[in-house]
Amino acid sequence: MDHWWKPKEMVGLGDYAKEEVEDVTGCIPWFLEKCVVQGEIHLDHGFFTEIYSEALSFEADIQKKMSWGEISMYATIVLPPRLC
């Protein structure tokens, strides 16, 4: 992730370690960018709450449209075996 951090050397980490920020954001540059508020990292930013809400809504929609067997097949095909 050095390529993301390099131009953002002035970004303050606040109470977080660099590794913690990378773990929470999954090293996804767009997520990292969303965590920068007024030049400082904020992992408690509402951005992650919004993603969580959207994921819950997606799951509820899938459960309404698919039987458990279909959901199980989807999860088995799409998700790695250790997550199913």
PDB file of N, CA and C in Angstrom:
ATOM      1  N   MET A   1       0.806  -1.203   0.000  1.00  0.00           N
ATOM      2  CA  MET A   1       0.000   0.000   0.000  1.00  0.00           C
ATOM      3  C   MET A   1       0.848   1.265   0.000  1.00  0.00           C
ATOM      4  N   ASP A   2       2.141   1.092  -0.162  1.00  0.00           N
ATOM      5  CA  ASP A   2       3.022   2.255  -0.175  1.00  0.00           C
ATOM      6  C   ASP A   2       2.621   3.256  -1.248  1.00  0.00           C
ATOM      7  N   HIS A   3       2.099   2.756  -2.385  1.00  0.00           N
ATOM      8  CA  HIS A   3       1.707   3.653  -3.472  1.00  0.00           C
ATOM      9  C   HIS A   3       0.536   4.550  -3.062  1.00  0.00           C
ATOM     10  N   TRP A   4      -0.282   4.132  -2.091  1.00  0.00           N
ATOM     11  CA  TRP A   4      -1.381   4.984  -1.616  1.00  0.00           C
ATOM     12  C   TRP A   4      -0.865   5.946  -0.554  1.00  0.00           C
ATOM     13  N   TRP A   5      -0.042   5.454   0.347  1.00  0.00           N
ATOM     14  CA  TRP A   5       0.434   6.276   1.458  1.00  0.00           C
ATOM     15  C   TRP A   5       1.431   7.350   1.017  1.00  0.00           C
ATOM     16  N   LYS A   6       2.240   7.057   0.016  1.00  0.00           N
ATOM     17  CA  LYS A   6       3.333   7.960  -0.376  1.00  0.00           C
ATOM     18  C   LYS A   6       2.847   9.403  -0.626  1.00  0.00           C
ATOM     19  N   PRO A   7       1.847   9.618  -1.492  1.00  0.00           N
ATOM     20  CA  PRO A   7       1.415  11.003  -1.719  1.00  0.00           C
ATOM     21  C   PRO A   7       0.596  11.586  -0.563  1.00  0.00           C
ATOM     22  N   LYS A   8       0.295  10.768   0.429  1.00  0.00           N
ATOM     23  CA  LYS A   8      -0.538  11.224   1.541  1.00  0.00           C
ATOM     24  C   LYS A   8       0.239  11.232   2.852  1.00  0.00           C
ATOM     25  N   GLU A   9       1.525  11.546   2.757  1.00  0.00           N
ATOM     26  CA  GLU A   9       2.372  11.539   3.946  1.00  0.00           C
ATOM     27  C   GLU A   9       1.894  12.521   5.009  1.00  0.00           C
ATOM     28  N   MET A  10       1.142  13.522   4.605  1.00  0.00           N
ATOM     29  CA  MET A  10       0.666  14.531   5.548  1.00  0.00           C
ATOM     30  C   MET A  10      -0.638  14.116   6.239  1.00  0.00           C
ATOM     31  N   VAL A  11      -1.197  12.995   5.838  1.00  0.00           N
ATOM     32  CA  VAL A  11      -2.439  12.523   6.464  1.00  0.00           C
ATOM     33  C   VAL A  11      -2.116  12.001   7.853  1.00  0.00           C
ATOM     34  N   GLY A  12      -2.818  12.535   8.846  1.00  0.00           N
ATOM     35  CA  GLY A  12      -2.604  12.092  10.221  1.00  0.00           C
ATOM     36  C   GLY A  12      -3.311  10.772  10.484  1.00  0.00           C
ATOM     37  N   LEU A  13      -2.688   9.911  11.259  1.00  0.00           N
ATOM     38  CA  LEU A  13      -3.286   8.617  11.580  1.00  0.00           C
ATOM     39  C   LEU A  13      -4.194   8.681  12.804  1.00  0.00           C
ATOM     40  N   GLY A  14      -4.159   9.781  13.527  1.00  0.00           N
ATOM     41  CA  GLY A  14      -4.986   9.877  14.737  1.00  0.00           C
ATOM     42  C   GLY A  14      -4.575   8.810  15.735  1.00  0.00           C
ATOM     43  N   ASP A  15      -5.539   8.067  16.238  1.00  0.00           N
ATOM     44  CA  ASP A  15      -5.280   7.016  17.231  1.00  0.00           C
ATOM     45  C   ASP A  15      -4.993   5.667  16.602  1.00  0.00           C
ATOM     46  N   TYR A  16      -4.852   5.612  15.294  1.00  0.00           N
ATOM     47  CA  TYR A  16      -4.723   4.344  14.588  1.00  0.00           C
ATOM     48  C   TYR A  16      -3.298   4.086  14.107  1.00  0.00           C
ATOM     49  N   ALA A  17      -2.947   2.811  14.064  1.00  0.00           N
ATOM     50  CA  ALA A  17      -1.691   2.400  13.433  1.00  0.00           C
ATOM     51  C   ALA A  17      -1.953   2.219  11.949  1.00  0.00           C
ATOM     52  N   LYS A  18      -0.931   2.413  11.144  1.00  0.00           N
ATOM     53  CA  LYS A  18      -1.055   2.263   9.695  1.00  0.00           C
ATOM     54  C   LYS A  18      -1.621   0.887   9.333  1.00  0.00           C
ATOM     55  N   GLU A  19      -1.150  -0.157  10.004  1.00  0.00           N
ATOM     56  CA  GLU A  19      -1.602  -1.517   9.737  1.00  0.00           C
ATOM     57  C   GLU A  19      -3.087  -1.687  10.069  1.00  0.00           C
ATOM     58  N   GLU A  20      -3.537  -1.040  11.136  1.00  0.00           N
ATOM     59  CA  GLU A  20      -4.948  -1.115  11.529  1.00  0.00           C
ATOM     60  C   GLU A  20      -5.834  -0.469  10.463  1.00  0.00           C
ATOM     61  N   VAL A  21      -5.400   0.656   9.932  1.00  0.00           N
ATOM     62  CA  VAL A  21      -6.150   1.339   8.879  1.00  0.00           C
ATOM     63  C   VAL A  21      -6.251   0.436   7.651  1.00  0.00           C
ATOM     64  N   GLU A  22      -5.140  -0.188   7.295  1.00  0.00           N
ATOM     65  CA  GLU A  22      -5.137  -1.078   6.128  1.00  0.00           C
ATOM     66  C   GLU A  22      -6.020  -2.302   6.359  1.00  0.00           C
ATOM     67  N   ASP A  23      -6.025  -2.836   7.587  1.00  0.00           N
ATOM     68  CA  ASP A  23      -6.874  -3.993   7.895  1.00  0.00           C
ATOM     69  C   ASP A  23      -8.356  -3.645   7.783  1.00  0.00           C
ATOM     70  N   VAL A  24      -8.743  -2.523   8.355  1.00  0.00           N
ATOM     71  CA  VAL A  24     -10.160  -2.131   8.351  1.00  0.00           C
ATOM     72  C   VAL A  24     -10.652  -1.820   6.940  1.00  0.00           C
ATOM     73  N   THR A  25      -9.807  -1.182   6.146  1.00  0.00           N
ATOM     74  CA  THR A  25     -10.221  -0.787   4.801  1.00  0.00           C
ATOM     75  C   THR A  25      -9.950  -1.862   3.754  1.00  0.00           C
ATOM     76  N   GLY A  26      -9.268  -2.929   4.170  1.00  0.00           N
ATOM     77  CA  GLY A  26      -8.927  -3.981   3.221  1.00  0.00           C
ATOM     78  C   GLY A  26      -7.932  -3.508   2.170  1.00  0.00           C
ATOM     79  N   CYS A  27      -7.232  -2.432   2.462  1.00  0.00           N
ATOM     80  CA  CYS A  27      -6.267  -1.828   1.525  1.00  0.00           C
ATOM     81  C   CYS A  27      -6.927  -1.418   0.209  1.00  0.00           C
ATOM     82  N   ILE A  28      -8.209  -1.164   0.244  1.00  0.00           N
ATOM     83  CA  ILE A  28      -8.929  -0.711  -0.946  1.00  0.00           C
ATOM     84  C   ILE A  28      -8.770   0.810  -1.019  1.00  0.00           C
ATOM     85  N   PRO A  29      -8.098   1.320  -2.037  1.00  0.00           N
ATOM     86  CA  PRO A  29      -7.826   2.760  -2.112  1.00  0.00           C
ATOM     87  C   PRO A  29      -9.066   3.642  -1.952  1.00  0.00           C
ATOM     88  N   TRP A  30     -10.169   3.254  -2.528  1.00  0.00           N
ATOM     89  CA  TRP A  30     -11.387   4.064  -2.417  1.00  0.00           C
ATOM     90  C   TRP A  30     -11.857   4.138  -0.965  1.00  0.00           C
ATOM     91  N   PHE A  31     -11.785   3.006  -0.238  1.00  0.00           N
ATOM     92  CA  PHE A  31     -12.150   2.995   1.179  1.00  0.00           C
ATOM     93  C   PHE A  31     -11.178   3.856   1.981  1.00  0.00           C
ATOM     94  N   LEU A  32      -9.896   3.726   1.676  1.00  0.00           N
ATOM     95  CA  LEU A  32      -8.894   4.541   2.362  1.00  0.00           C
ATOM     96  C   LEU A  32      -9.179   6.026   2.151  1.00  0.00           C
ATOM     97  N   GLU A  33      -9.484   6.377   0.924  1.00  0.00           N
ATOM     98  CA  GLU A  33      -9.766   7.783   0.590  1.00  0.00           C
ATOM     99  C   GLU A  33     -10.974   8.302   1.381  1.00  0.00           C
ATOM    100  N   LYS A  34     -11.997   7.468   1.521  1.00  0.00           N
ATOM    101  CA  LYS A  34     -13.207   7.868   2.241  1.00  0.00           C
ATOM    102  C   LYS A  34     -12.953   8.073   3.731  1.00  0.00           C
ATOM    103  N   CYS A  35     -11.880   7.477   4.254  1.00  0.00           N
ATOM    104  CA  CYS A  35     -11.561   7.603   5.676  1.00  0.00           C
ATOM    105  C   CYS A  35     -10.812   8.886   6.017  1.00  0.00           C
ATOM    106  N   VAL A  36     -10.340   9.594   5.012  1.00  0.00           N
ATOM    107  CA  VAL A  36      -9.605  10.833   5.257  1.00  0.00           C
ATOM    108  C   VAL A  36     -10.602  11.975   5.382  1.00  0.00           C
ATOM    109  N   VAL A  37     -10.663  12.532   6.587  1.00  0.00           N
ATOM    110  CA  VAL A  37     -11.557  13.649   6.868  1.00  0.00           C
ATOM    111  C   VAL A  37     -10.713  14.782   7.440  1.00  0.00           C
ATOM    112  N   GLN A  38     -10.695  15.886   6.737  1.00  0.00           N
ATOM    113  CA  GLN A  38      -9.915  17.057   7.135  1.00  0.00           C
ATOM    114  C   GLN A  38      -8.457  16.693   7.434  1.00  0.00           C
ATOM    115  N   GLY A  39      -7.867  15.883   6.554  1.00  0.00           N
ATOM    116  CA  GLY A  39      -6.454  15.558   6.663  1.00  0.00           C
ATOM    117  C   GLY A  39      -6.087  14.516   7.708  1.00  0.00           C
ATOM    118  N   GLU A  40      -7.087  13.827   8.262  1.00  0.00           N
ATOM    119  CA  GLU A  40      -6.808  12.806   9.274  1.00  0.00           C
ATOM    120  C   GLU A  40      -7.681  11.573   9.027  1.00  0.00           C
ATOM    121  N   ILE A  41      -7.138  10.414   9.363  1.00  0.00           N
ATOM    122  CA  ILE A  41      -7.875   9.156   9.220  1.00  0.00           C
ATOM    123  C   ILE A  41      -8.943   9.060  10.297  1.00  0.00           C
ATOM    124  N   HIS A  42     -10.168   8.715   9.882  1.00  0.00           N
ATOM    125  CA  HIS A  42     -11.278   8.488  10.806  1.00  0.00           C
ATOM    126  C   HIS A  42     -11.976   7.196  10.402  1.00  0.00           C
ATOM    127  N   LEU A  43     -11.701   6.124  11.141  1.00  0.00           N
ATOM    128  CA  LEU A  43     -12.317   4.834  10.812  1.00  0.00           C
ATOM    129  C   LEU A  43     -13.750   4.741  11.304  1.00  0.00           C
ATOM    130  N   ASP A  44     -14.166   5.659  12.159  1.00  0.00           N
ATOM    131  CA  ASP A  44     -15.544   5.652  12.639  1.00  0.00           C
ATOM    132  C   ASP A  44     -16.457   6.506  11.751  1.00  0.00           C
ATOM    133  N   HIS A  45     -15.956   6.868  10.604  1.00  0.00           N
ATOM    134  CA  HIS A  45     -16.706   7.674   9.635  1.00  0.00           C
ATOM    135  C   HIS A  45     -17.966   6.918   9.219  1.00  0.00           C
ATOM    136  N   GLY A  46     -19.053   7.591   8.974  1.00  0.00           N
ATOM    137  CA  GLY A  46     -20.322   6.983   8.603  1.00  0.00           C
ATOM    138  C   GLY A  46     -20.287   6.189   7.310  1.00  0.00           C
ATOM    139  N   PHE A  47     -19.228   6.303   6.561  1.00  0.00           N
ATOM    140  CA  PHE A  47     -19.095   5.594   5.291  1.00  0.00           C
ATOM    141  C   PHE A  47     -19.241   4.087   5.475  1.00  0.00           C
ATOM    142  N   PHE A  48     -18.597   3.536   6.501  1.00  0.00           N
ATOM    143  CA  PHE A  48     -18.664   2.094   6.722  1.00  0.00           C
ATOM    144  C   PHE A  48     -20.047   1.666   7.206  1.00  0.00           C
ATOM    145  N   THR A  49     -20.709   2.509   7.961  1.00  0.00           N
ATOM    146  CA  THR A  49     -22.077   2.224   8.400  1.00  0.00           C
ATOM    147  C   THR A  49     -23.004   2.156   7.193  1.00  0.00           C
ATOM    148  N   GLU A  50     -22.800   3.039   6.245  1.00  0.00           N
ATOM    149  CA  GLU A  50     -23.601   3.050   5.022  1.00  0.00           C
ATOM    150  C   GLU A  50     -23.386   1.768   4.212  1.00  0.00           C
ATOM    151  N   ILE A  51     -22.146   1.337   4.084  1.00  0.00           N
ATOM    152  CA  ILE A  51     -21.849   0.096   3.359  1.00  0.00           C
ATOM    153  C   ILE A  51     -22.506  -1.086   4.062  1.00  0.00           C
ATOM    154  N   TYR A  52     -22.422  -1.115   5.395  1.00  0.00           N
ATOM    155  CA  TYR A  52     -23.022  -2.194   6.176  1.00  0.00           C
ATOM    156  C   TYR A  52     -24.539  -2.234   5.946  1.00  0.00           C
ATOM    157  N   SER A  53     -25.183  -1.073   5.967  1.00  0.00           N
ATOM    158  CA  SER A  53     -26.634  -0.999   5.743  1.00  0.00           C
ATOM    159  C   SER A  53     -27.000  -1.498   4.351  1.00  0.00           C
ATOM    160  N   GLU A  54     -26.214  -1.118   3.361  1.00  0.00           N
ATOM    161  CA  GLU A  54     -26.473  -1.572   1.993  1.00  0.00           C
ATOM    162  C   GLU A  54     -26.290  -3.083   1.867  1.00  0.00           C
ATOM    163  N   ALA A  55     -25.298  -3.624   2.549  1.00  0.00           N
ATOM    164  CA  ALA A  55     -25.072  -5.075   2.520  1.00  0.00           C
ATOM    165  C   ALA A  55     -26.245  -5.813   3.167  1.00  0.00           C
ATOM    166  N   LEU A  56     -26.747  -5.293   4.281  1.00  0.00           N
ATOM    167  CA  LEU A  56     -27.920  -5.902   4.933  1.00  0.00           C
ATOM    168  C   LEU A  56     -29.132  -5.864   4.024  1.00  0.00           C
ATOM    169  N   SER A  57     -29.334  -4.754   3.348  1.00  0.00           N
ATOM    170  CA  SER A  57     -30.456  -4.613   2.420  1.00  0.00           C
ATOM    171  C   SER A  57     -30.327  -5.599   1.269  1.00  0.00           C
ATOM    172  N   PHE A  58     -29.116  -5.745   0.728  1.00  0.00           N
ATOM    173  CA  PHE A  58     -28.864  -6.695  -0.349  1.00  0.00           C
ATOM    174  C   PHE A  58     -29.189  -8.115   0.112  1.00  0.00           C
ATOM    175  N   GLU A  59     -28.728  -8.465   1.300  1.00  0.00           N
ATOM    176  CA  GLU A  59     -28.986  -9.804   1.830  1.00  0.00           C
ATOM    177  C   GLU A  59     -30.480 -10.055   1.997  1.00  0.00           C
ATOM    178  N   ALA A  60     -31.215  -9.078   2.512  1.00  0.00           N
ATOM    179  CA  ALA A  60     -32.661  -9.219   2.690  1.00  0.00           C
ATOM    180  C   ALA A  60     -33.351  -9.404   1.342  1.00  0.00           C
ATOM    181  N   ASP A  61     -32.932  -8.653   0.333  1.00  0.00           N
ATOM    182  CA  ASP A  61     -33.506  -8.795  -1.009  1.00  0.00           C
ATOM    183  C   ASP A  61     -33.253 -10.186  -1.574  1.00  0.00           C
ATOM    184  N   ILE A  62     -32.033 -10.679  -1.406  1.00  0.00           N
ATOM    185  CA  ILE A  62     -31.681 -12.012  -1.902  1.00  0.00           C
ATOM    186  C   ILE A  62     -32.532 -13.068  -1.206  1.00  0.00           C
ATOM    187  N   GLN A  63     -32.699 -12.934   0.101  1.00  0.00           N
ATOM    188  CA  GLN A  63     -33.475 -13.921   0.860  1.00  0.00           C
ATOM    189  C   GLN A  63     -34.941 -13.934   0.419  1.00  0.00           C
ATOM    190  N   LYS A  64     -35.471 -12.785   0.016  1.00  0.00           N
ATOM    191  CA  LYS A  64     -36.856 -12.718  -0.461  1.00  0.00           C
ATOM    192  C   LYS A  64     -37.013 -13.377  -1.826  1.00  0.00           C
ATOM    193  N   LYS A  65     -35.991 -13.263  -2.665  1.00  0.00           N
ATOM    194  CA  LYS A  65     -36.079 -13.710  -4.051  1.00  0.00           C
ATOM    195  C   LYS A  65     -35.635 -15.145  -4.273  1.00  0.00           C
ATOM    196  N   MET A  66     -34.868 -15.703  -3.324  1.00  0.00           N
ATOM    197  CA  MET A  66     -34.293 -17.029  -3.542  1.00  0.00           C
ATOM    198  C   MET A  66     -34.670 -17.979  -2.404  1.00  0.00           C
ATOM    199  N   SER A  67     -34.740 -19.254  -2.734  1.00  0.00           N
ATOM    200  CA  SER A  67     -34.957 -20.265  -1.702  1.00  0.00           C
ATOM    201  C   SER A  67     -33.634 -20.497  -0.978  1.00  0.00           C
ATOM    202  N   TRP A  68     -33.700 -21.179   0.169  1.00  0.00           N
ATOM    203  CA  TRP A  68     -32.474 -21.448   0.911  1.00  0.00           C
ATOM    204  C   TRP A  68     -31.506 -22.285   0.072  1.00  0.00           C
ATOM    205  N   GLY A  69     -32.024 -23.226  -0.690  1.00  0.00           N
ATOM    206  CA  GLY A  69     -31.181 -24.047  -1.552  1.00  0.00           C
ATOM    207  C   GLY A  69     -30.435 -23.218  -2.574  1.00  0.00           C
ATOM    208  N   GLU A  70     -31.134 -22.255  -3.176  1.00  0.00           N
ATOM    209  CA  GLU A  70     -30.495 -21.368  -4.150  1.00  0.00           C
ATOM    210  C   GLU A  70     -29.438 -20.475  -3.487  1.00  0.00           C
ATOM    211  N   ILE A  71     -29.768 -19.988  -2.290  1.00  0.00           N
ATOM    212  CA  ILE A  71     -28.813 -19.147  -1.555  1.00  0.00           C
ATOM    213  C   ILE A  71     -27.568 -19.960  -1.210  1.00  0.00           C
ATOM    214  N   SER A  72     -27.787 -21.194  -0.771  1.00  0.00           N
ATOM    215  CA  SER A  72     -26.670 -22.069  -0.418  1.00  0.00           C
ATOM    216  C   SER A  72     -25.791 -22.335  -1.640  1.00  0.00           C
ATOM    217  N   MET A  73     -26.417 -22.579  -2.790  1.00  0.00           N
ATOM    218  CA  MET A  73     -25.659 -22.822  -4.018  1.00  0.00           C
ATOM    219  C   MET A  73     -24.884 -21.567  -4.412  1.00  0.00           C
ATOM    220  N   TYR A  74     -25.531 -20.403  -4.325  1.00  0.00           N
ATOM    221  CA  TYR A  74     -24.882 -19.141  -4.650  1.00  0.00           C
ATOM    222  C   TYR A  74     -23.678 -18.933  -3.738  1.00  0.00           C
ATOM    223  N   ALA A  75     -23.865 -19.132  -2.441  1.00  0.00           N
ATOM    224  CA  ALA A  75     -22.787 -18.925  -1.482  1.00  0.00           C
ATOM    225  C   ALA A  75     -21.641 -19.892  -1.736  1.00  0.00           C
ATOM    226  N   THR A  76     -21.978 -21.122  -2.108  1.00  0.00           N
ATOM    227  CA  THR A  76     -20.951 -22.128  -2.364  1.00  0.00           C
ATOM    228  C   THR A  76     -20.160 -21.795  -3.622  1.00  0.00           C
ATOM    229  N   ILE A  77     -20.826 -21.269  -4.640  1.00  0.00           N
ATOM    230  CA  ILE A  77     -20.154 -20.940  -5.891  1.00  0.00           C
ATOM    231  C   ILE A  77     -19.362 -19.640  -5.787  1.00  0.00           C
ATOM    232  N   VAL A  78     -19.923 -18.624  -5.155  1.00  0.00           N
ATOM    233  CA  VAL A  78     -19.327 -17.297  -5.129  1.00  0.00           C
ATOM    234  C   VAL A  78     -18.307 -17.125  -4.007  1.00  0.00           C
ATOM    235  N   LEU A  79     -18.617 -17.643  -2.837  1.00  0.00           N
ATOM    236  CA  LEU A  79     -17.727 -17.451  -1.696  1.00  0.00           C
ATOM    237  C   LEU A  79     -16.697 -18.561  -1.593  1.00  0.00           C
ATOM    238  N   PRO A  80     -15.523 -18.235  -1.079  1.00  0.00           N
ATOM    239  CA  PRO A  80     -14.527 -19.294  -0.854  1.00  0.00           C
ATOM    240  C   PRO A  80     -15.078 -20.323   0.126  1.00  0.00           C
ATOM    241  N   PRO A  81     -14.695 -21.590   0.021  1.00  0.00           N
ATOM    242  CA  PRO A  81     -15.229 -22.650   0.883  1.00  0.00           C
ATOM    243  C   PRO A  81     -15.135 -22.355   2.367  1.00  0.00           C
ATOM    244  N   ARG A  82     -14.107 -21.673   2.826  1.00  0.00           N
ATOM    245  CA  ARG A  82     -13.964 -21.410   4.257  1.00  0.00           C
ATOM    246  C   ARG A  82     -14.991 -20.419   4.778  1.00  0.00           C
ATOM    247  N   LEU A  83     -15.664 -19.680   3.876  1.00  0.00           N
ATOM    248  CA  LEU A  83     -16.664 -18.713   4.305  1.00  0.00           C
ATOM    249  C   LEU A  83     -18.089 -19.234   4.210  1.00  0.00           C
ATOM    250  N   CYS A  84     -18.285 -20.371   3.616  1.00  0.00           N
ATOM    251  CA  CYS A  84     -19.628 -20.919   3.424  1.00  0.00           C
ATOM    252  C   CYS A  84     -20.095 -21.681   4.646  1.00  0.00           C
TER     253      CYS A  84
END
